C-alpha atoms as a PDB file:
ATOM      1  CA  MET A   1      80.807 134.008 -54.845  1.00  0.00           C
ATOM      2  CA  GLN A   2      77.701 132.572 -54.042  1.00  0.00           C
ATOM      3  CA  LYS A   3      75.798 130.905 -56.745  1.00  0.00           C
ATOM      4  CA  THR A   4      72.925 128.348 -56.945  1.00  0.00           C
ATOM      5  CA  SER A   5      72.828 126.386 -60.144  1.00  0.00           C
ATOM      6  CA  THR A   6      73.068 123.172 -61.641  1.00  0.00           C
ATOM      7  CA  GLY A   7      76.015 121.476 -62.447  1.00  0.00           C
ATOM      8  CA  ALA A   8      76.894 119.004 -65.479  1.00  0.00           C
ATOM      9  CA  ALA A   9      75.766 116.012 -63.522  1.00  0.00           C
ATOM     10  CA  GLY A  10      72.412 117.602 -62.339  1.00  0.00           C
ATOM     11  CA  SER A  11      73.932 118.255 -58.867  1.00  0.00           C
ATOM     12  CA  ALA A  12      72.773 121.520 -57.004  1.00  0.00           C
ATOM     13  CA  LEU A  13      75.318 123.891 -56.458  1.00  0.00           C
ATOM     14  CA  THR A  14      74.892 126.329 -53.868  1.00  0.00           C
ATOM     15  CA  TYR A  15      77.865 127.956 -52.775  1.00  0.00           C
ATOM     16  CA  ARG A  16      81.358 127.897 -54.635  1.00  0.00           C
ATOM     17  CA  GLU A  17      84.467 130.063 -53.373  1.00  0.00           C
ATOM     18  CA  ARG A  18      87.956 129.871 -54.650  1.00  0.00           C
ATOM     19  CA  LEU A  19      90.671 130.826 -52.091  1.00  0.00           C
ATOM     20  CA  THR A  20      92.942 132.241 -54.341  1.00  0.00           C
ATOM     21  CA  PRO A  21      96.312 134.056 -52.877  1.00  0.00           C
ATOM     22  CA  SER A  22      96.106 137.750 -52.042  1.00  0.00           C
ATOM     23  CA  LEU A  23      97.213 140.466 -54.705  1.00  0.00           C
ATOM     24  CA  TRP A  24     100.261 141.016 -52.330  1.00  0.00           C
ATOM     25  CA  ALA A  25     101.128 137.095 -52.420  1.00  0.00           C
ATOM     26  CA  ILE A  26     100.990 137.396 -56.287  1.00  0.00           C
ATOM     27  CA  VAL A  27     103.313 140.363 -56.049  1.00  0.00           C
ATOM     28  CA  GLY A  28     105.627 138.935 -54.024  1.00  0.00           C
ATOM     29  CA  ALA A  29     105.786 135.599 -55.900  1.00  0.00           C
ATOM     30  CA  ALA A  30     106.448 137.916 -59.124  1.00  0.00           C
ATOM     31  CA  VAL A  31     109.887 138.876 -57.312  1.00  0.00           C
ATOM     32  CA  ALA A  32     111.039 135.639 -58.456  1.00  0.00           C
ATOM     33  CA  ALA A  33     111.151 137.072 -61.899  1.00  0.00           C
ATOM     34  CA  PRO A  34     114.177 139.243 -61.354  1.00  0.00           C
ATOM     35  CA  MET A  35     116.106 136.634 -59.146  1.00  0.00           C
ATOM     36  CA  ALA A  36     115.864 134.257 -62.222  1.00  0.00           C
ATOM     37  CA  ALA A  37     116.877 136.950 -64.851  1.00  0.00           C
ATOM     38  CA  MET A  38     119.920 137.669 -62.870  1.00  0.00           C
ATOM     39  CA  VAL A  39     121.205 133.875 -63.269  1.00  0.00           C
ATOM     40  CA  PHE A  40     120.648 134.290 -67.017  1.00  0.00           C
ATOM     41  CA  VAL A  41     122.394 137.873 -67.554  1.00  0.00           C
ATOM     42  CA  PRO A  42     126.115 136.698 -67.935  1.00  0.00           C
ATOM     43  CA  PHE A  43     124.853 134.715 -70.902  1.00  0.00           C
ATOM     44  CA  ASP A  44     122.474 136.643 -72.690  1.00  0.00           C
ATOM     45  CA  THR A  45     120.314 139.481 -71.495  1.00  0.00           C
ATOM     46  CA  THR A  46     117.473 138.554 -73.675  1.00  0.00           C
ATOM     47  CA  LEU A  47     117.692 134.956 -72.457  1.00  0.00           C
ATOM     48  CA  ALA A  48     117.570 136.559 -68.993  1.00  0.00           C
ATOM     49  CA  LEU A  49     114.485 138.507 -69.586  1.00  0.00           C
ATOM     50  CA  VAL A  50     112.425 135.738 -71.188  1.00  0.00           C
ATOM     51  CA  ALA A  51     113.627 133.488 -68.484  1.00  0.00           C
ATOM     52  CA  GLY A  52     112.457 135.930 -65.867  1.00  0.00           C
ATOM     53  CA  GLY A  53     109.250 136.425 -67.431  1.00  0.00           C
ATOM     54  CA  LEU A  54     108.574 132.798 -67.687  1.00  0.00           C
ATOM     55  CA  VAL A  55     109.694 132.094 -64.094  1.00  0.00           C
ATOM     56  CA  ALA A  56     107.217 134.973 -62.895  1.00  0.00           C
ATOM     57  CA  VAL A  57     104.207 133.600 -65.048  1.00  0.00           C
ATOM     58  CA  LEU A  58     104.797 129.671 -63.825  1.00  0.00           C
ATOM     59  CA  VAL A  59     105.122 130.562 -60.198  1.00  0.00           C
ATOM     60  CA  ILE A  60     101.692 132.934 -60.382  1.00  0.00           C
ATOM     61  CA  ALA A  61     100.074 130.208 -62.486  1.00  0.00           C
ATOM     62  CA  LEU A  62     100.758 127.394 -60.072  1.00  0.00           C
ATOM     63  CA  MET A  63      99.941 129.630 -57.207  1.00  0.00           C
ATOM     64  CA  LEU A  64      96.215 130.146 -58.592  1.00  0.00           C
ATOM     65  CA  ALA A  65      96.189 126.534 -59.795  1.00  0.00           C
ATOM     66  CA  ALA A  66      96.807 125.189 -56.391  1.00  0.00           C
ATOM     67  CA  ALA A  67      94.331 127.486 -54.658  1.00  0.00           C
ATOM     68  CA  PRO A  68      91.798 125.315 -52.919  1.00  0.00           C
ATOM     69  CA  THR A  69      88.072 125.646 -53.216  1.00  0.00           C
ATOM     70  CA  VAL A  70      85.274 125.815 -50.979  1.00  0.00           C
ATOM     71  CA  GLU A  71      81.822 124.606 -52.089  1.00  0.00           C
ATOM     72  CA  LEU A  72      78.603 123.107 -50.999  1.00  0.00           C
ATOM     73  CA  VAL A  73      76.966 120.598 -53.591  1.00  0.00           C
ATOM     74  CA  ASP A  74      74.322 118.225 -52.691  1.00  0.00           C
ATOM     75  CA  GLY A  75      74.534 118.527 -49.130  1.00  0.00           C
ATOM     76  CA  MET A  76      78.208 117.938 -49.008  1.00  0.00           C
ATOM     77  CA  LEU A  77      80.498 120.367 -47.695  1.00  0.00           C
ATOM     78  CA  ARG A  78      83.838 120.481 -49.729  1.00  0.00           C
ATOM     79  CA  ALA A  79      86.888 122.368 -48.544  1.00  0.00           C
ATOM     80  CA  GLY A  80      90.093 121.565 -50.546  1.00  0.00           C
ATOM     81  CA  ARG A  81      90.221 117.883 -50.806  1.00  0.00           C
ATOM     82  CA  ALA A  82      88.178 117.192 -47.715  1.00  0.00           C
ATOM     83  CA  HIS A  83      84.267 116.771 -47.573  1.00  0.00           C
ATOM     84  CA  ILE A  84      81.968 116.023 -45.211  1.00  0.00           C
ATOM     85  CA  PRO A  85      77.862 115.836 -45.289  1.00  0.00           C
ATOM     86  CA  VAL A  86      76.059 118.794 -43.827  1.00  0.00           C
ATOM     87  CA  ALA A  87      73.873 116.359 -41.958  1.00  0.00           C
ATOM     88  CA  VAL A  88      76.530 115.666 -39.253  1.00  0.00           C
ATOM     89  CA  LEU A  89      77.408 119.573 -38.819  1.00  0.00           C
ATOM     90  CA  GLY A  90      76.227 121.779 -35.977  1.00  0.00           C
ATOM     91  CA  ARG A  91      75.277 125.591 -36.783  1.00  0.00           C
ATOM     92  CA  PRO A  92      78.031 127.376 -38.382  1.00  0.00           C
ATOM     93  CA  GLU A  93      79.662 130.527 -37.040  1.00  0.00           C
ATOM     94  CA  ALA A  94      81.044 133.209 -39.214  1.00  0.00           C
ATOM     95  CA  ALA A  95      83.838 135.059 -37.887  1.00  0.00           C
ATOM     96  CA  THR A  96      86.067 138.262 -38.944  1.00  0.00           C
ATOM     97  CA  GLY A  97      88.161 140.788 -37.527  1.00  0.00           C
ATOM     98  CA  ALA A  98      89.648 140.034 -33.951  1.00  0.00           C
ATOM     99  CA  GLU A  99      87.467 136.811 -33.649  1.00  0.00           C
ATOM    100  CA  ALA A 100      88.902 135.270 -36.671  1.00  0.00           C
ATOM    101  CA  ARG A 101      92.458 136.480 -35.588  1.00  0.00           C
ATOM    102  CA  THR A 102      91.832 134.729 -32.318  1.00  0.00           C
ATOM    103  CA  LEU A 103      90.314 131.395 -34.196  1.00  0.00           C
ATOM    104  CA  ARG A 104      93.532 131.258 -36.272  1.00  0.00           C
ATOM    105  CA  GLY A 105      95.867 131.774 -33.324  1.00  0.00           C
ATOM    106  CA  PRO A 106      95.428 131.168 -29.772  1.00  0.00           C
ATOM    107  CA  GLY A 107      92.040 129.696 -30.322  1.00  0.00           C
ATOM    108  CA  LEU A 108      93.256 127.208 -32.766  1.00  0.00           C
ATOM    109  CA  GLU A 109      91.933 123.846 -31.982  1.00  0.00           C
ATOM    110  CA  ARG A 110      94.266 120.963 -32.058  1.00  0.00           C
ATOM    111  CA  ASP A 111      92.076 118.479 -33.256  1.00  0.00           C
ATOM    112  CA  ALA A 112      89.876 120.331 -35.622  1.00  0.00           C
ATOM    113  CA  TRP A 113      90.489 120.310 -39.540  1.00  0.00           C
ATOM    114  CA  HIS A 114      91.687 123.525 -41.033  1.00  0.00           C
ATOM    115  CA  LEU A 115      91.504 125.220 -44.266  1.00  0.00           C
ATOM    116  CA  ILE A 116      93.342 128.556 -43.439  1.00  0.00           C
ATOM    117  CA  ARG A 117      94.558 130.666 -46.135  1.00  0.00           C
ATOM    118  CA  GLY A 118      96.856 133.710 -45.450  1.00  0.00           C
ATOM    119  CA  GLY A 119      95.427 137.210 -46.647  1.00  0.00           C
ATOM    120  CA  ILE A 120      91.746 136.034 -46.459  1.00  0.00           C
ATOM    121  CA  ASP A 121      90.452 137.574 -43.257  1.00  0.00           C
ATOM    122  CA  GLY A 122      87.175 135.780 -42.668  1.00  0.00           C
ATOM    123  CA  LEU A 123      86.600 132.188 -41.157  1.00  0.00           C
ATOM    124  CA  VAL A 124      83.502 129.809 -40.760  1.00  0.00           C
ATOM    125  CA  ARG A 125      83.850 127.384 -37.809  1.00  0.00           C
ATOM    126  CA  VAL A 126      81.556 124.396 -37.934  1.00  0.00           C
ATOM    127  CA  PRO A 127      81.160 121.737 -35.312  1.00  0.00           C
ATOM    128  CA  VAL A 128      80.935 118.172 -36.149  1.00  0.00           C
ATOM    129  CA  THR A 129      78.428 116.439 -34.271  1.00  0.00           C
ATOM    130  CA  ASP A 130      78.921 112.993 -35.398  1.00  0.00           C
ATOM    131  CA  PRO A 131      80.500 111.099 -32.365  1.00  0.00           C
ATOM    132  CA  ALA A 132      82.096 108.519 -34.307  1.00  0.00           C
ATOM    133  CA  ASP A 133      84.170 111.522 -36.164  1.00  0.00           C
ATOM    134  CA  PRO A 134      87.337 112.222 -34.486  1.00  0.00           C
ATOM    135  CA  THR A 135      87.326 115.842 -35.848  1.00  0.00           C
ATOM    136  CA  PRO A 136      85.307 117.994 -33.352  1.00  0.00           C
ATOM    137  CA  VAL A 137      85.214 121.037 -35.532  1.00  0.00           C
ATOM    138  CA  TRP A 138      85.993 122.393 -39.150  1.00  0.00           C
ATOM    139  CA  VAL A 139      87.609 125.905 -39.515  1.00  0.00           C
ATOM    140  CA  VAL A 140      87.336 127.213 -43.049  1.00  0.00           C
ATOM    141  CA  SER A 141      88.615 130.562 -44.478  1.00  0.00           C
ATOM    142  CA  SER A 142      86.046 132.447 -46.590  1.00  0.00           C
ATOM    143  CA  ARG A 143      86.172 135.915 -48.011  1.00  0.00           C
ATOM    144  CA  THR A 144      82.522 135.996 -47.620  1.00  0.00           C
ATOM    145  CA  PRO A 145      82.318 133.848 -44.187  1.00  0.00           C
ATOM    146  CA  ASP A 146      78.632 135.268 -43.778  1.00  0.00           C
ATOM    147  CA  ARG A 147      77.433 133.753 -47.135  1.00  0.00           C
ATOM    148  CA  LEU A 148      79.039 130.512 -46.462  1.00  0.00           C
ATOM    149  CA  ALA A 149      77.617 130.097 -43.081  1.00  0.00           C
ATOM    150  CA  ALA A 150      74.229 130.832 -44.540  1.00  0.00           C
ATOM    151  CA  ALA A 151      74.572 128.397 -47.437  1.00  0.00           C
ATOM    152  CA  ILE A 152      75.318 125.453 -44.831  1.00  0.00           C
ATOM    153  CA  ARG A 153      72.387 126.451 -42.673  1.00  0.00           C
ATOM    154  CA  ARG A 154      70.208 126.356 -45.794  1.00  0.00           C
ATOM    155  CA  ALA A 155      71.577 122.848 -46.666  1.00  0.00           C
ATOM    156  CA  GLN A 156      70.742 121.606 -43.442  1.00  0.00           C
ATOM    157  CA  GLN A 157      67.435 123.108 -43.499  1.00  0.00           C
ATOM    158  CA  ALA A 158      67.001 121.240 -46.988  1.00  0.00           C
ATOM    159  CA  ASP A 159      68.535 118.034 -45.741  1.00  0.00           C
ATOM    160  CA  ARG A 160      66.222 118.220 -42.556  1.00  0.00           C
ATOM    161  CA  ASP A 161      62.960 118.441 -44.987  1.00  0.00           C
ATOM    162  CA  LEU A 162      63.980 115.737 -47.412  1.00  0.00           C
ATOM    163  CA  GLY A 163      64.950 113.359 -44.443  1.00  0.00           C
END
């Protein structure tokens, strides 16, 4: 999801995406409900149904709450807990399909910084141009890698125009 808005502190939010688990991951997590229910069946079937339902809701809520966010705010790319100014980034490359699979697999760079989520096909690879930074590249999952790459390029251009 791409946005251009102003946050509470007057900061310009140009891109924001929450990397929530896929529907299949959530359905898979819901399998915890019958397993939890089976533990309580010897005591009481009503208790077992309630416990199973609570466990399913809790596991799914934790999965959604722990989903990282990718955002671009005031010339800063934030991916999960990490952040880097767009001024020290090179040209972003959006990848999907076979190219993204290669970047996640045999093309995965050992020294790169990764925020990769299963069930999300797209990736954005952004080289780091700061010679003092030991991380040569960032690789970030995105459902809309073309939009994220475009937002990074716009932020870089805005940074050059201001500087």
